[in-house]
Amino acid sequence: VHMPLGQVGAVSFLPVDTSSENLSEMFAAYADVLGIYARRFIGSY
């Protein structure tokens, strides 16, 4: 989440299954929506 004055925020979504390494299907299905929610949350804060 890139903001004014060079500030960079971030939201990392970490699998509950800690052995998971391939997130390609999750990314394809949910990255856009999670991206909108994450930016809303960080930007508002």
All heavy atoms as atom14 arrays in JSON, in Angstrom:
{
  "sequence": "VHMPLGQVGAVSFLPVDTSSENLSEMFAAYADVLGIYARRFIGSY",
  "atom14_mask": [
    [1, 1, 1, 1, 1, 1, 1, 0, 0, 0, 0, 0, 0, 0],
    [1, 1, 1, 1, 1, 1, 1, 1, 1, 1, 0, 0, 0, 0],
    [1, 1, 1, 1, 1, 1, 1, 1, 0, 0, 0, 0, 0, 0],
    [1, 1, 1, 1, 1, 1, 1, 0, 0, 0, 0, 0, 0, 0],
    [1, 1, 1, 1, 1, 1, 1, 1, 0, 0, 0, 0, 0, 0],
    [1, 1, 1, 1, 0, 0, 0, 0, 0, 0, 0, 0, 0, 0],
    [1, 1, 1, 1, 1, 1, 1, 1, 1, 0, 0, 0, 0, 0],
    [1, 1, 1, 1, 1, 1, 1, 0, 0, 0, 0, 0, 0, 0],
    [1, 1, 1, 1, 0, 0, 0, 0, 0, 0, 0, 0, 0, 0],
    [1, 1, 1, 1, 1, 0, 0, 0, 0, 0, 0, 0, 0, 0],
    [1, 1, 1, 1, 1, 1, 1, 0, 0, 0, 0, 0, 0, 0],
    [1, 1, 1, 1, 1, 1, 0, 0, 0, 0, 0, 0, 0, 0],
    [1, 1, 1, 1, 1, 1, 1, 1, 1, 1, 1, 0, 0, 0],
    [1, 1, 1, 1, 1, 1, 1, 1, 0, 0, 0, 0, 0, 0],
    [1, 1, 1, 1, 1, 1, 1, 0, 0, 0, 0, 0, 0, 0],
    [1, 1, 1, 1, 1, 1, 1, 0, 0, 0, 0, 0, 0, 0],
    [1, 1, 1, 1, 1, 1, 1, 1, 0, 0, 0, 0, 0, 0],
    [1, 1, 1, 1, 1, 1, 1, 0, 0, 0, 0, 0, 0, 0],
    [1, 1, 1, 1, 1, 1, 0, 0, 0, 0, 0, 0, 0, 0],
    [1, 1, 1, 1, 1, 1, 0, 0, 0, 0, 0, 0, 0, 0],
    [1, 1, 1, 1, 1, 1, 1, 1, 1, 0, 0, 0, 0, 0],
    [1, 1, 1, 1, 1, 1, 1, 1, 0, 0, 0, 0, 0, 0],
    [1, 1, 1, 1, 1, 1, 1, 1, 0, 0, 0, 0, 0, 0],
    [1, 1, 1, 1, 1, 1, 0, 0, 0, 0, 0, 0, 0, 0],
    [1, 1, 1, 1, 1, 1, 1, 1, 1, 0, 0, 0, 0, 0],
    [1, 1, 1, 1, 1, 1, 1, 1, 0, 0, 0, 0, 0, 0],
    [1, 1, 1, 1, 1, 1, 1, 1, 1, 1, 1, 0, 0, 0],
    [1, 1, 1, 1, 1, 0, 0, 0, 0, 0, 0, 0, 0, 0],
    [1, 1, 1, 1, 1, 0, 0, 0, 0, 0, 0, 0, 0, 0],
    [1, 1, 1, 1, 1, 1, 1, 1, 1, 1, 1, 1, 0, 0],
    [1, 1, 1, 1, 1, 0, 0, 0, 0, 0, 0, 0, 0, 0],
    [1, 1, 1, 1, 1, 1, 1, 1, 0, 0, 0, 0, 0, 0],
    [1, 1, 1, 1, 1, 1, 1, 0, 0, 0, 0, 0, 0, 0],
    [1, 1, 1, 1, 1, 1, 1, 1, 0, 0, 0, 0, 0, 0],
    [1, 1, 1, 1, 0, 0, 0, 0, 0, 0, 0, 0, 0, 0],
    [1, 1, 1, 1, 1, 1, 1, 1, 0, 0, 0, 0, 0, 0],
    [1, 1, 1, 1, 1, 1, 1, 1, 1, 1, 1, 1, 0, 0],
    [1, 1, 1, 1, 1, 0, 0, 0, 0, 0, 0, 0, 0, 0],
    [1, 1, 1, 1, 1, 1, 1, 1, 1, 1, 1, 0, 0, 0],
    [1, 1, 1, 1, 1, 1, 1, 1, 1, 1, 1, 0, 0, 0],
    [1, 1, 1, 1, 1, 1, 1, 1, 1, 1, 1, 0, 0, 0],
    [1, 1, 1, 1, 1, 1, 1, 1, 0, 0, 0, 0, 0, 0],
    [1, 1, 1, 1, 0, 0, 0, 0, 0, 0, 0, 0, 0, 0],
    [1, 1, 1, 1, 1, 1, 0, 0, 0, 0, 0, 0, 0, 0],
    [1, 1, 1, 1, 1, 1, 1, 1, 1, 1, 1, 1, 0, 0]
  ],
  "atom14_positions": [
    [[0.87, -1.18, 0.0], [0.0, 0.0, 0.0], [0.9, 1.23, 0.0], [1.45, 1.61, 1.03], [-0.93, 0.01, 1.23], [-1.9, 1.2, 1.14], [-1.7, -1.3, 1.35], [0.0, 0.0, 0.0], [0.0, 0.0, 0.0], [0.0, 0.0, 0.0], [0.0, 0.0, 0.0], [0.0, 0.0, 0.0], [0.0, 0.0, 0.0], [0.0, 0.0, 0.0]],
    [[1.06, 1.84, -1.17], [1.93, 3.0, -1.32], [1.12, 4.27, -1.07], [0.07, 4.49, -1.67], [2.55, 3.01, -2.72], [3.56, 1.93, -2.9], [4.92, 2.16, -2.86], [3.41, 0.6, -3.1], [5.57, 1.02, -3.04], [4.68, 0.05, -3.19], [0.0, 0.0, 0.0], [0.0, 0.0, 0.0], [0.0, 0.0, 0.0], [0.0, 0.0, 0.0]],
    [[1.65, 5.11, -0.19], [0.94, 6.31, 0.24], [1.81, 7.55, 0.05], [2.98, 7.44, -0.32], [0.52, 6.14, 1.71], [-0.52, 5.05, 1.9], [-0.95, 4.72, 3.65], [0.49, 3.78, 4.18], [0.0, 0.0, 0.0], [0.0, 0.0, 0.0], [0.0, 0.0, 0.0], [0.0, 0.0, 0.0], [0.0, 0.0, 0.0], [0.0, 0.0, 0.0]],
    [[1.26, 8.74, 0.29], [2.05, 9.97, 0.12], [3.29, 10.0, 0.99], [3.38, 9.32, 2.03], [1.06, 11.07, 0.54], [-0.29, 10.49, 0.28], [-0.15, 9.03, 0.61], [0.0, 0.0, 0.0], [0.0, 0.0, 0.0], [0.0, 0.0, 0.0], [0.0, 0.0, 0.0], [0.0, 0.0, 0.0], [0.0, 0.0, 0.0], [0.0, 0.0, 0.0]],
    [[4.27, 10.8, 0.56], [5.51, 11.04, 1.28], [6.36, 9.78, 1.42], [7.17, 9.66, 2.33], [5.23, 11.63, 2.67], [4.42, 12.92, 2.69], [4.2, 13.39, 4.11], [5.11, 13.99, 1.86], [0.0, 0.0, 0.0], [0.0, 0.0, 0.0], [0.0, 0.0, 0.0], [0.0, 0.0, 0.0], [0.0, 0.0, 0.0], [0.0, 0.0, 0.0]],
    [[6.19, 8.85, 0.5], [7.04, 7.67, 0.48], [6.68, 6.6, 1.49], [7.39, 5.6, 1.61], [0.0, 0.0, 0.0], [0.0, 0.0, 0.0], [0.0, 0.0, 0.0], [0.0, 0.0, 0.0], [0.0, 0.0, 0.0], [0.0, 0.0, 0.0], [0.0, 0.0, 0.0], [0.0, 0.0, 0.0], [0.0, 0.0, 0.0], [0.0, 0.0, 0.0]],
    [[5.58, 6.77, 2.22], [5.2, 5.76, 3.21], [4.63, 4.54, 2.5], [3.82, 4.65, 1.59], [4.16, 6.33, 4.18], [3.74, 5.35, 5.26], [2.89, 6.02, 6.32], [3.08, 7.19, 6.64], [1.93, 5.28, 6.88], [0.0, 0.0, 0.0], [0.0, 0.0, 0.0], [0.0, 0.0, 0.0], [0.0, 0.0, 0.0], [0.0, 0.0, 0.0]],
    [[5.07, 3.37, 2.93], [4.61, 2.11, 2.35], [4.05, 1.23, 3.46], [4.74, 0.9, 4.42], [5.75, 1.35, 1.64], [5.22, 0.05, 1.01], [6.4, 2.23, 0.57], [0.0, 0.0, 0.0], [0.0, 0.0, 0.0], [0.0, 0.0, 0.0], [0.0, 0.0, 0.0], [0.0, 0.0, 0.0], [0.0, 0.0, 0.0], [0.0, 0.0, 0.0]],
    [[2.78, 0.89, 3.34], [2.15, -0.06, 4.24], [2.06, -1.4, 3.55], [2.39, -1.54, 2.37], [0.0, 0.0, 0.0], [0.0, 0.0, 0.0], [0.0, 0.0, 0.0], [0.0, 0.0, 0.0], [0.0, 0.0, 0.0], [0.0, 0.0, 0.0], [0.0, 0.0, 0.0], [0.0, 0.0, 0.0], [0.0, 0.0, 0.0], [0.0, 0.0, 0.0]],
    [[1.6, -2.41, 4.27], [1.47, -3.73, 3.67], [0.54, -4.59, 4.5], [0.48, -4.46, 5.73], [2.83, -4.42, 3.56], [0.0, 0.0, 0.0], [0.0, 0.0, 0.0], [0.0, 0.0, 0.0], [0.0, 0.0, 0.0], [0.0, 0.0, 0.0], [0.0, 0.0, 0.0], [0.0, 0.0, 0.0], [0.0, 0.0, 0.0], [0.0, 0.0, 0.0]],
    [[-0.18, -5.45, 3.8], [-0.96, -6.49, 4.47], [-0.53, -7.82, 3.86], [-0.61, -8.01, 2.64], [-2.47, -6.3, 4.28], [-3.23, -7.44, 4.97], [-2.92, -4.96, 4.85], [0.0, 0.0, 0.0], [0.0, 0.0, 0.0], [0.0, 0.0, 0.0], [0.0, 0.0, 0.0], [0.0, 0.0, 0.0], [0.0, 0.0, 0.0], [0.0, 0.0, 0.0]],
    [[-0.05, -8.71, 4.72], [0.33, -10.05, 4.29], [-0.75, -11.03, 4.73], [-1.16, -11.02, 5.91], [1.68, -10.46, 4.9], [2.71, -9.6, 4.44], [0.0, 0.0, 0.0], [0.0, 0.0, 0.0], [0.0, 0.0, 0.0], [0.0, 0.0, 0.0], [0.0, 0.0, 0.0], [0.0, 0.0, 0.0], [0.0, 0.0, 0.0], [0.0, 0.0, 0.0]],
    [[-1.2, -11.85, 3.8], [-2.19, -12.88, 4.1], [-1.45, -14.22, 4.13], [-0.91, -14.66, 3.11], [-3.29, -12.87, 3.06], [-4.09, -11.58, 3.05], [-3.78, -10.58, 2.14], [-5.12, -11.38, 3.94], [-4.49, -9.37, 2.13], [-5.85, -10.18, 3.94], [-5.52, -9.19, 3.04], [0.0, 0.0, 0.0], [0.0, 0.0, 0.0], [0.0, 0.0, 0.0]],
    [[-1.44, -14.85, 5.3], [-0.62, -16.04, 5.53], [-1.51, -17.27, 5.69], [-2.44, -17.25, 6.51], [0.23, -15.84, 6.79], [0.96, -14.49, 6.91], [1.68, -14.41, 8.25], [1.91, -14.3, 5.75], [0.0, 0.0, 0.0], [0.0, 0.0, 0.0], [0.0, 0.0, 0.0], [0.0, 0.0, 0.0], [0.0, 0.0, 0.0], [0.0, 0.0, 0.0]],
    [[-1.25, -18.33, 4.95], [-2.1, -19.52, 5.03], [-2.12, -20.11, 6.44], [-1.08, -20.2, 7.1], [-1.44, -20.5, 4.05], [-0.61, -19.66, 3.15], [-0.16, -18.49, 3.97], [0.0, 0.0, 0.0], [0.0, 0.0, 0.0], [0.0, 0.0, 0.0], [0.0, 0.0, 0.0], [0.0, 0.0, 0.0], [0.0, 0.0, 0.0], [0.0, 0.0, 0.0]],
    [[-3.31, -20.49, 6.89], [-3.43, -21.18, 8.18], [-2.65, -22.48, 8.14], [-2.03, -22.88, 9.13], [-4.91, -21.43, 8.51], [-5.04, -22.33, 9.73], [-5.65, -20.11, 8.74], [0.0, 0.0, 0.0], [0.0, 0.0, 0.0], [0.0, 0.0, 0.0], [0.0, 0.0, 0.0], [0.0, 0.0, 0.0], [0.0, 0.0, 0.0], [0.0, 0.0, 0.0]],
    [[-2.69, -23.15, 6.99], [-1.87, -24.34, 6.78], [-0.44, -23.89, 6.53], [-0.08, -23.46, 5.44], [-2.39, -25.14, 5.58], [-1.57, -26.39, 5.29], [-0.58, -26.64, 6.01], [-1.9, -27.1, 4.32], [0.0, 0.0, 0.0], [0.0, 0.0, 0.0], [0.0, 0.0, 0.0], [0.0, 0.0, 0.0], [0.0, 0.0, 0.0], [0.0, 0.0, 0.0]],
    [[0.38, -23.94, 7.57], [1.73, -23.39, 7.48], [2.64, -24.15, 6.54], [3.75, -23.7, 6.26], [2.37, -23.34, 8.88], [2.37, -24.66, 9.44], [1.6, -22.39, 9.79], [0.0, 0.0, 0.0], [0.0, 0.0, 0.0], [0.0, 0.0, 0.0], [0.0, 0.0, 0.0], [0.0, 0.0, 0.0], [0.0, 0.0, 0.0], [0.0, 0.0, 0.0]],
    [[2.19, -25.32, 6.06], [3.0, -26.07, 5.1], [2.74, -25.63, 3.66], [3.46, -26.04, 2.74], [2.73, -27.58, 5.23], [1.39, -27.88, 4.84], [0.0, 0.0, 0.0], [0.0, 0.0, 0.0], [0.0, 0.0, 0.0], [0.0, 0.0, 0.0], [0.0, 0.0, 0.0], [0.0, 0.0, 0.0], [0.0, 0.0, 0.0], [0.0, 0.0, 0.0]],
    [[1.73, -24.79, 3.45], [1.37, -24.35, 2.1], [2.48, -23.49, 1.49], [2.95, -22.54, 2.12], [0.07, -23.55, 2.12], [-1.01, -24.35, 2.53], [0.0, 0.0, 0.0], [0.0, 0.0, 0.0], [0.0, 0.0, 0.0], [0.0, 0.0, 0.0], [0.0, 0.0, 0.0], [0.0, 0.0, 0.0], [0.0, 0.0, 0.0], [0.0, 0.0, 0.0]],
    [[2.85, -23.82, 0.26], [3.87, -23.05, -0.45], [3.37, -22.49, -1.77], [3.87, -21.46, -2.23], [5.11, -23.91, -0.68], [5.83, -24.3, 0.61], [7.16, -24.98, 0.34], [7.57, -25.05, -0.84], [7.79, -25.43, 1.3], [0.0, 0.0, 0.0], [0.0, 0.0, 0.0], [0.0, 0.0, 0.0], [0.0, 0.0, 0.0], [0.0, 0.0, 0.0]],
    [[2.39, -23.14, -2.38], [1.88, -22.69, -3.67], [0.54, -22.0, -3.48], [-0.47, -22.64, -3.17], [1.73, -23.88, -4.63], [1.41, -23.43, -6.05], [0.85, -22.36, -6.27], [1.79, -24.24, -7.02], [0.0, 0.0, 0.0], [0.0, 0.0, 0.0], [0.0, 0.0, 0.0], [0.0, 0.0, 0.0], [0.0, 0.0, 0.0], [0.0, 0.0, 0.0]],
    [[0.52, -20.69, -3.67], [-0.69, -19.9, -3.47], [-1.28, -19.4, -4.78], [-2.06, -18.45, -4.8], [-0.39, -18.69, -2.56], [0.26, -18.99, -1.21], [0.39, -17.7, -0.39], [-0.52, -20.03, -0.44], [0.0, 0.0, 0.0], [0.0, 0.0, 0.0], [0.0, 0.0, 0.0], [0.0, 0.0, 0.0], [0.0, 0.0, 0.0], [0.0, 0.0, 0.0]],
    [[-0.94, -20.06, -5.87], [-1.36, -19.57, -7.18], [-2.88, -19.56, -7.35], [-3.45, -18.59, -7.86], [-0.72, -20.41, -8.29], [-1.04, -21.78, -8.14], [0.0, 0.0, 0.0], [0.0, 0.0, 0.0], [0.0, 0.0, 0.0], [0.0, 0.0, 0.0], [0.0, 0.0, 0.0], [0.0, 0.0, 0.0], [0.0, 0.0, 0.0], [0.0, 0.0, 0.0]],
    [[-3.55, -20.62, -6.9], [-5.0, -20.68, -7.03], [-5.67, -19.65, -6.13], [-6.62, -18.97, -6.54], [-5.51, -22.08, -6.72], [-5.08, -23.13, -7.73], [-5.69, -24.49, -7.45], [-6.52, -24.6, -6.51], [-5.36, -25.45, -8.17], [0.0, 0.0, 0.0], [0.0, 0.0, 0.0], [0.0, 0.0, 0.0], [0.0, 0.0, 0.0], [0.0, 0.0, 0.0]],
    [[-5.19, -19.53, -4.9], [-5.72, -18.52, -3.99], [-5.53, -17.13, -4.56], [-6.44, -16.29, -4.52], [-5.02, -18.62, -2.63], [-5.49, -17.59, -1.62], [-4.4, -17.48, -0.17], [-4.46, -19.15, 0.42], [0.0, 0.0, 0.0], [0.0, 0.0, 0.0], [0.0, 0.0, 0.0], [0.0, 0.0, 0.0], [0.0, 0.0, 0.0], [0.0, 0.0, 0.0]],
    [[-4.36, -16.88, -5.11], [-4.06, -15.56, -5.67], [-5.0, -15.24, -6.82], [-5.56, -14.14, -6.9], [-2.61, -15.52, -6.13], [-2.17, -14.17, -6.64], [-1.72, -13.2, -5.75], [-2.22, -13.86, -7.99], [-1.33, -11.95, -6.2], [-1.82, -12.62, -8.45], [-1.38, -11.66, -7.55], [0.0, 0.0, 0.0], [0.0, 0.0, 0.0], [0.0, 0.0, 0.0]],
    [[-5.19, -16.18, -7.72], [-6.05, -15.95, -8.88], [-7.49, -15.67, -8.47], [-8.18, -14.85, -9.08], [-6.0, -17.17, -9.81], [0.0, 0.0, 0.0], [0.0, 0.0, 0.0], [0.0, 0.0, 0.0], [0.0, 0.0, 0.0], [0.0, 0.0, 0.0], [0.0, 0.0, 0.0], [0.0, 0.0, 0.0], [0.0, 0.0, 0.0], [0.0, 0.0, 0.0]],
    [[-7.94, -16.32, -7.41], [-9.33, -16.19, -7.0], [-9.59, -14.96, -6.13], [-10.66, -14.35, -6.22], [-9.77, -17.45, -6.26], [0.0, 0.0, 0.0], [0.0, 0.0, 0.0], [0.0, 0.0, 0.0], [0.0, 0.0, 0.0], [0.0, 0.0, 0.0], [0.0, 0.0, 0.0], [0.0, 0.0, 0.0], [0.0, 0.0, 0.0], [0.0, 0.0, 0.0]],
    [[-8.64, -14.58, -5.29], [-8.94, -13.61, -4.25], [-8.04, -12.38, -4.19], [-8.33, -11.45, -3.42], [-8.89, -14.29, -2.88], [-9.84, -15.46, -2.75], [-9.36, -16.76, -2.64], [-11.21, -15.26, -2.75], [-10.23, -17.83, -2.51], [-12.09, -16.32, -2.63], [-11.59, -17.62, -2.52], [-12.46, -18.67, -2.41], [0.0, 0.0, 0.0], [0.0, 0.0, 0.0]],
    [[-6.98, -12.32, -4.97], [-6.02, -11.22, -4.83], [-6.65, -9.85, -5.07], [-6.36, -8.89, -4.35], [-4.84, -11.43, -5.79], [0.0, 0.0, 0.0], [0.0, 0.0, 0.0], [0.0, 0.0, 0.0], [0.0, 0.0, 0.0], [0.0, 0.0, 0.0], [0.0, 0.0, 0.0], [0.0, 0.0, 0.0], [0.0, 0.0, 0.0], [0.0, 0.0, 0.0]],
    [[-7.51, -9.74, -6.06], [-8.11, -8.44, -6.37], [-8.96, -7.92, -5.21], [-8.85, -6.76, -4.81], [-8.95, -8.53, -7.64], [-8.11, -8.66, -8.9], [-6.9, -8.36, -8.82], [-8.67, -9.06, -9.94], [0.0, 0.0, 0.0], [0.0, 0.0, 0.0], [0.0, 0.0, 0.0], [0.0, 0.0, 0.0], [0.0, 0.0, 0.0], [0.0, 0.0, 0.0]],
    [[-9.81, -8.8, -4.69], [-10.7, -8.38, -3.6], [-9.9, -8.1, -2.33], [-10.11, -7.09, -1.66], [-11.77, -9.45, -3.33], [-12.59, -9.08, -2.1], [-12.68, -9.6, -4.54], [0.0, 0.0, 0.0], [0.0, 0.0, 0.0], [0.0, 0.0, 0.0], [0.0, 0.0, 0.0], [0.0, 0.0, 0.0], [0.0, 0.0, 0.0], [0.0, 0.0, 0.0]],
    [[-8.97, -9.0, -1.99], [-8.14, -8.78, -0.81], [-7.33, -7.5, -0.94], [-7.1, -6.8, 0.04], [-7.22, -9.98, -0.58], [-7.9, -11.27, -0.1], [-6.88, -12.4, -0.01], [-8.59, -11.06, 1.25], [0.0, 0.0, 0.0], [0.0, 0.0, 0.0], [0.0, 0.0, 0.0], [0.0, 0.0, 0.0], [0.0, 0.0, 0.0], [0.0, 0.0, 0.0]],
    [[-6.9, -7.2, -2.16], [-6.15, -5.98, -2.4], [-6.98, -4.73, -2.09], [-6.5, -3.78, -1.47], [0.0, 0.0, 0.0], [0.0, 0.0, 0.0], [0.0, 0.0, 0.0], [0.0, 0.0, 0.0], [0.0, 0.0, 0.0], [0.0, 0.0, 0.0], [0.0, 0.0, 0.0], [0.0, 0.0, 0.0], [0.0, 0.0, 0.0], [0.0, 0.0, 0.0]],
    [[-8.24, -4.74, -2.51], [-9.13, -3.6, -2.25], [-9.37, -3.45, -0.75], [-9.29, -2.36, -0.18], [-10.45, -3.78, -3.01], [-10.21, -3.67, -4.52], [-11.48, -2.75, -2.55], [-11.41, -4.02, -5.36], [0.0, 0.0, 0.0], [0.0, 0.0, 0.0], [0.0, 0.0, 0.0], [0.0, 0.0, 0.0], [0.0, 0.0, 0.0], [0.0, 0.0, 0.0]],
    [[-9.66, -4.55, -0.08], [-9.91, -4.5, 1.36], [-8.67, -4.05, 2.13], [-8.75, -3.24, 3.06], [-10.35, -5.87, 1.86], [-11.72, -6.32, 1.4], [-12.07, -7.67, 1.39], [-12.68, -5.4, 0.97], [-13.32, -8.1, 0.98], [-13.93, -5.82, 0.55], [-14.25, -7.17, 0.55], [-15.49, -7.59, 0.14], [0.0, 0.0, 0.0], [0.0, 0.0, 0.0]],
    [[-7.5, -4.59, 1.74], [-6.26, -4.25, 2.44], [-5.94, -2.77, 2.3], [-5.56, -2.1, 3.28], [-5.11, -5.1, 1.91], [0.0, 0.0, 0.0], [0.0, 0.0, 0.0], [0.0, 0.0, 0.0], [0.0, 0.0, 0.0], [0.0, 0.0, 0.0], [0.0, 0.0, 0.0], [0.0, 0.0, 0.0], [0.0, 0.0, 0.0], [0.0, 0.0, 0.0]],
    [[-6.09, -2.24, 1.1], [-5.78, -0.83, 0.88], [-6.77, 0.07, 1.63], [-6.39, 1.13, 2.14], [-5.79, -0.52, -0.61], [-4.62, -1.17, -1.35], [-4.54, -0.72, -2.81], [-3.4, -1.3, -3.47], [-3.47, -2.23, -4.43], [-4.66, -2.68, -4.82], [-2.38, -2.72, -4.98], [0.0, 0.0, 0.0], [0.0, 0.0, 0.0], [0.0, 0.0, 0.0]],
    [[-8.01, -0.34, 1.68], [-9.0, 0.43, 2.44], [-8.63, 0.46, 3.92], [-8.67, 1.52, 4.57], [-10.38, -0.24, 2.27], [-11.49, 0.34, 3.12], [-11.93, 1.7, 2.64], [-13.29, 2.0, 3.09], [-13.96, 3.07, 2.75], [-13.42, 3.97, 1.95], [-15.19, 3.27, 3.18], [0.0, 0.0, 0.0], [0.0, 0.0, 0.0], [0.0, 0.0, 0.0]],
    [[-8.25, -0.69, 4.47], [-7.92, -0.81, 5.88], [-6.68, 0.02, 6.23], [-6.7, 0.84, 7.16], [-7.69, -2.28, 6.22], [-7.29, -2.54, 7.64], [-8.19, -2.38, 8.68], [-6.0, -2.95, 7.95], [-7.83, -2.63, 10.0], [-5.62, -3.19, 9.26], [-6.54, -3.02, 10.29], [0.0, 0.0, 0.0], [0.0, 0.0, 0.0], [0.0, 0.0, 0.0]],
    [[-5.61, -0.15, 5.47], [-4.36, 0.56, 5.76], [-4.51, 2.05, 5.51], [-4.06, 2.88, 6.31], [-3.2, -0.02, 4.93], [-2.91, -1.47, 5.34], [-1.95, 0.84, 5.09], [-2.41, -1.63, 6.76], [0.0, 0.0, 0.0], [0.0, 0.0, 0.0], [0.0, 0.0, 0.0], [0.0, 0.0, 0.0], [0.0, 0.0, 0.0], [0.0, 0.0, 0.0]],
    [[-5.12, 2.41, 4.39], [-5.27, 3.83, 4.06], [-6.11, 4.56, 5.09], [-5.78, 5.68, 5.5], [0.0, 0.0, 0.0], [0.0, 0.0, 0.0], [0.0, 0.0, 0.0], [0.0, 0.0, 0.0], [0.0, 0.0, 0.0], [0.0, 0.0, 0.0], [0.0, 0.0, 0.0], [0.0, 0.0, 0.0], [0.0, 0.0, 0.0], [0.0, 0.0, 0.0]],
    [[-7.19, 3.92, 5.55], [-8.05, 4.54, 6.55], [-7.32, 4.71, 7.88], [-7.4, 5.75, 8.53], [-9.31, 3.69, 6.74], [-10.21, 4.3, 7.63], [0.0, 0.0, 0.0], [0.0, 0.0, 0.0], [0.0, 0.0, 0.0], [0.0, 0.0, 0.0], [0.0, 0.0, 0.0], [0.0, 0.0, 0.0], [0.0, 0.0, 0.0], [0.0, 0.0, 0.0]],
    [[-6.56, 3.69, 8.27], [-5.8, 3.76, 9.52], [-4.74, 4.86, 9.43], [-4.56, 5.63, 10.39], [-5.13, 2.41, 9.78], [-4.31, 2.37, 11.06], [-4.9, 1.99, 12.26], [-2.96, 2.69, 11.07], [-4.17, 1.95, 13.44], [-2.22, 2.67, 12.24], [-2.83, 2.29, 13.42], [-2.09, 2.25, 14.58], [0.0, 0.0, 0.0], [0.0, 0.0, 0.0]]
  ]
}
